[in-house]
């Protein structure tokens, strides 16, 4: 019973960390987007596209394992199979 509750807490902490990182990144991208040039935005989009094609970050892959319904793109759906 003790180990089960520790596993649940660990999952909850990981979920909270993911959500904090996700929303802080969204805020940062919104804020930076106000001041960036079109070229800088295009460079970031290209970099993110390459990262997605290579499988995304490990935190996102771990999240998808526990939440397969969050898979939106084909590469994400392939990863959870």
C-alpha atoms as a PDB file:
ATOM      1  CA  UNK A   1       0.000   0.000   0.000  1.00  0.00           C
ATOM      2  CA  UNK A   2       2.819   2.391   0.870  1.00  0.00           C
ATOM      3  CA  UNK A   3       4.538   1.888  -2.506  1.00  0.00           C
ATOM      4  CA  UNK A   4       1.268   2.398  -4.375  1.00  0.00           C
ATOM      5  CA  UNK A   5       0.678   5.748  -2.716  1.00  0.00           C
ATOM      6  CA  UNK A   6       4.270   6.778  -3.496  1.00  0.00           C
ATOM      7  CA  UNK A   7       3.746   5.849  -7.162  1.00  0.00           C
ATOM      8  CA  UNK A   8       0.549   7.882  -7.269  1.00  0.00           C
ATOM      9  CA  UNK A   9       2.308  10.876  -5.713  1.00  0.00           C
ATOM     10  CA  UNK A  10       5.165  10.559  -8.179  1.00  0.00           C
ATOM     11  CA  UNK A  11       2.716  10.536 -11.094  1.00  0.00           C
ATOM     12  CA  UNK A  12       0.904  13.557  -9.696  1.00  0.00           C
ATOM     13  CA  UNK A  13       4.151  15.484  -9.264  1.00  0.00           C
ATOM     14  CA  UNK A  14       5.214  14.593 -12.812  1.00  0.00           C
ATOM     15  CA  UNK A  15       1.839  15.762 -14.134  1.00  0.00           C
ATOM     16  CA  UNK A  16       2.144  19.070 -12.271  1.00  0.00           C
ATOM     17  CA  UNK A  17       5.700  19.589 -13.537  1.00  0.00           C
ATOM     18  CA  UNK A  18       4.576  18.916 -17.108  1.00  0.00           C
ATOM     19  CA  UNK A  19       1.683  21.368 -16.868  1.00  0.00           C
ATOM     20  CA  UNK A  20       3.850  24.099 -15.317  1.00  0.00           C
ATOM     21  CA  UNK A  21       6.465  23.685 -18.043  1.00  0.00           C
ATOM     22  CA  UNK A  22       3.810  23.583 -20.769  1.00  0.00           C
ATOM     23  CA  UNK A  23       1.983  26.726 -19.688  1.00  0.00           C
ATOM     24  CA  UNK A  24       5.138  28.675 -18.892  1.00  0.00           C
ATOM     25  CA  UNK A  25       6.374  27.873 -22.405  1.00  0.00           C
ATOM     26  CA  UNK A  26       3.054  29.022 -23.899  1.00  0.00           C
ATOM     27  CA  UNK A  27       3.272  32.313 -21.980  1.00  0.00           C
ATOM     28  CA  UNK A  28       6.898  32.806 -22.971  1.00  0.00           C
ATOM     29  CA  UNK A  29       6.140  32.113 -26.640  1.00  0.00           C
ATOM     30  CA  UNK A  30       3.198  34.544 -26.539  1.00  0.00           C
ATOM     31  CA  UNK A  31       5.264  37.251 -24.870  1.00  0.00           C
ATOM     32  CA  UNK A  32       8.262  36.755 -27.133  1.00  0.00           C
ATOM     33  CA  UNK A  33       5.965  36.669 -30.131  1.00  0.00           C
ATOM     34  CA  UNK A  34       5.063  40.282 -29.500  1.00  0.00           C
ATOM     35  CA  UNK A  35       8.657  41.375 -30.101  1.00  0.00           C
ATOM     36  CA  UNK A  36      10.128  38.835 -32.537  1.00  0.00           C
ATOM     37  CA  UNK A  37      10.655  39.378 -36.240  1.00  0.00           C
ATOM     38  CA  UNK A  38       9.056  37.105 -38.832  1.00  0.00           C
ATOM     39  CA  UNK A  39      12.440  35.500 -39.510  1.00  0.00           C
ATOM     40  CA  UNK A  40      12.940  34.658 -35.822  1.00  0.00           C
ATOM     41  CA  UNK A  41       9.450  33.155 -35.621  1.00  0.00           C
ATOM     42  CA  UNK A  42      10.088  31.066 -38.746  1.00  0.00           C
ATOM     43  CA  UNK A  43      13.373  29.808 -37.285  1.00  0.00           C
ATOM     44  CA  UNK A  44      11.656  28.721 -34.068  1.00  0.00           C
ATOM     45  CA  UNK A  45       8.834  26.996 -35.956  1.00  0.00           C
ATOM     46  CA  UNK A  46      11.364  25.082 -38.046  1.00  0.00           C
ATOM     47  CA  UNK A  47      13.287  24.046 -34.934  1.00  0.00           C
ATOM     48  CA  UNK A  48      10.090  22.824 -33.243  1.00  0.00           C
ATOM     49  CA  UNK A  49       9.089  20.913 -36.391  1.00  0.00           C
ATOM     50  CA  UNK A  50      12.441  19.107 -36.397  1.00  0.00           C
ATOM     51  CA  UNK A  51      12.063  18.276 -32.708  1.00  0.00           C
ATOM     52  CA  UNK A  52       8.572  16.850 -33.277  1.00  0.00           C
ATOM     53  CA  UNK A  53       9.833  14.734 -36.177  1.00  0.00           C
ATOM     54  CA  UNK A  54      12.572  13.314 -33.965  1.00  0.00           C
ATOM     55  CA  UNK A  55      10.003  12.220 -31.370  1.00  0.00           C
ATOM     56  CA  UNK A  56       9.624  15.270 -29.151  1.00  0.00           C
ATOM     57  CA  UNK A  57      11.049  15.660 -25.681  1.00  0.00           C
ATOM     58  CA  UNK A  58      11.244  12.811 -23.180  1.00  0.00           C
ATOM     59  CA  UNK A  59       8.799  14.488 -20.793  1.00  0.00           C
ATOM     60  CA  UNK A  60       6.157  14.612 -23.544  1.00  0.00           C
ATOM     61  CA  UNK A  61       6.790  10.971 -24.513  1.00  0.00           C
ATOM     62  CA  UNK A  62       6.366   9.929 -20.861  1.00  0.00           C
ATOM     63  CA  UNK A  63       3.158  11.938 -20.657  1.00  0.00           C
ATOM     64  CA  UNK A  64       1.815  10.225 -23.790  1.00  0.00           C
ATOM     65  CA  UNK A  65       2.462   6.797 -22.285  1.00  0.00           C
ATOM     66  CA  UNK A  66       0.127   7.634 -19.403  1.00  0.00           C
ATOM     67  CA  UNK A  67      -2.341   9.735 -21.437  1.00  0.00           C
ATOM     68  CA  UNK A  68      -2.680   8.218 -24.926  1.00  0.00           C
ATOM     69  CA  UNK A  69      -5.800  10.321 -25.554  1.00  0.00           C
ATOM     70  CA  UNK A  70      -3.547  13.404 -25.702  1.00  0.00           C
ATOM     71  CA  UNK A  71      -1.897  12.134 -28.906  1.00  0.00           C
ATOM     72  CA  UNK A  72      -2.894  14.590 -31.612  1.00  0.00           C
ATOM     73  CA  UNK A  73      -0.366  14.100 -34.398  1.00  0.00           C
ATOM     74  CA  UNK A  74       0.515  10.967 -36.356  1.00  0.00           C
ATOM     75  CA  UNK A  75       4.006  10.681 -34.851  1.00  0.00           C
ATOM     76  CA  UNK A  76       2.486  10.822 -31.360  1.00  0.00           C
ATOM     77  CA  UNK A  77      -0.021   8.098 -32.221  1.00  0.00           C
ATOM     78  CA  UNK A  78       2.799   5.955 -33.634  1.00  0.00           C
ATOM     79  CA  UNK A  79       4.812   6.428 -30.451  1.00  0.00           C
ATOM     80  CA  UNK A  80       2.059   5.139 -28.141  1.00  0.00           C
ATOM     81  CA  UNK A  81       1.386   1.983 -30.181  1.00  0.00           C
END
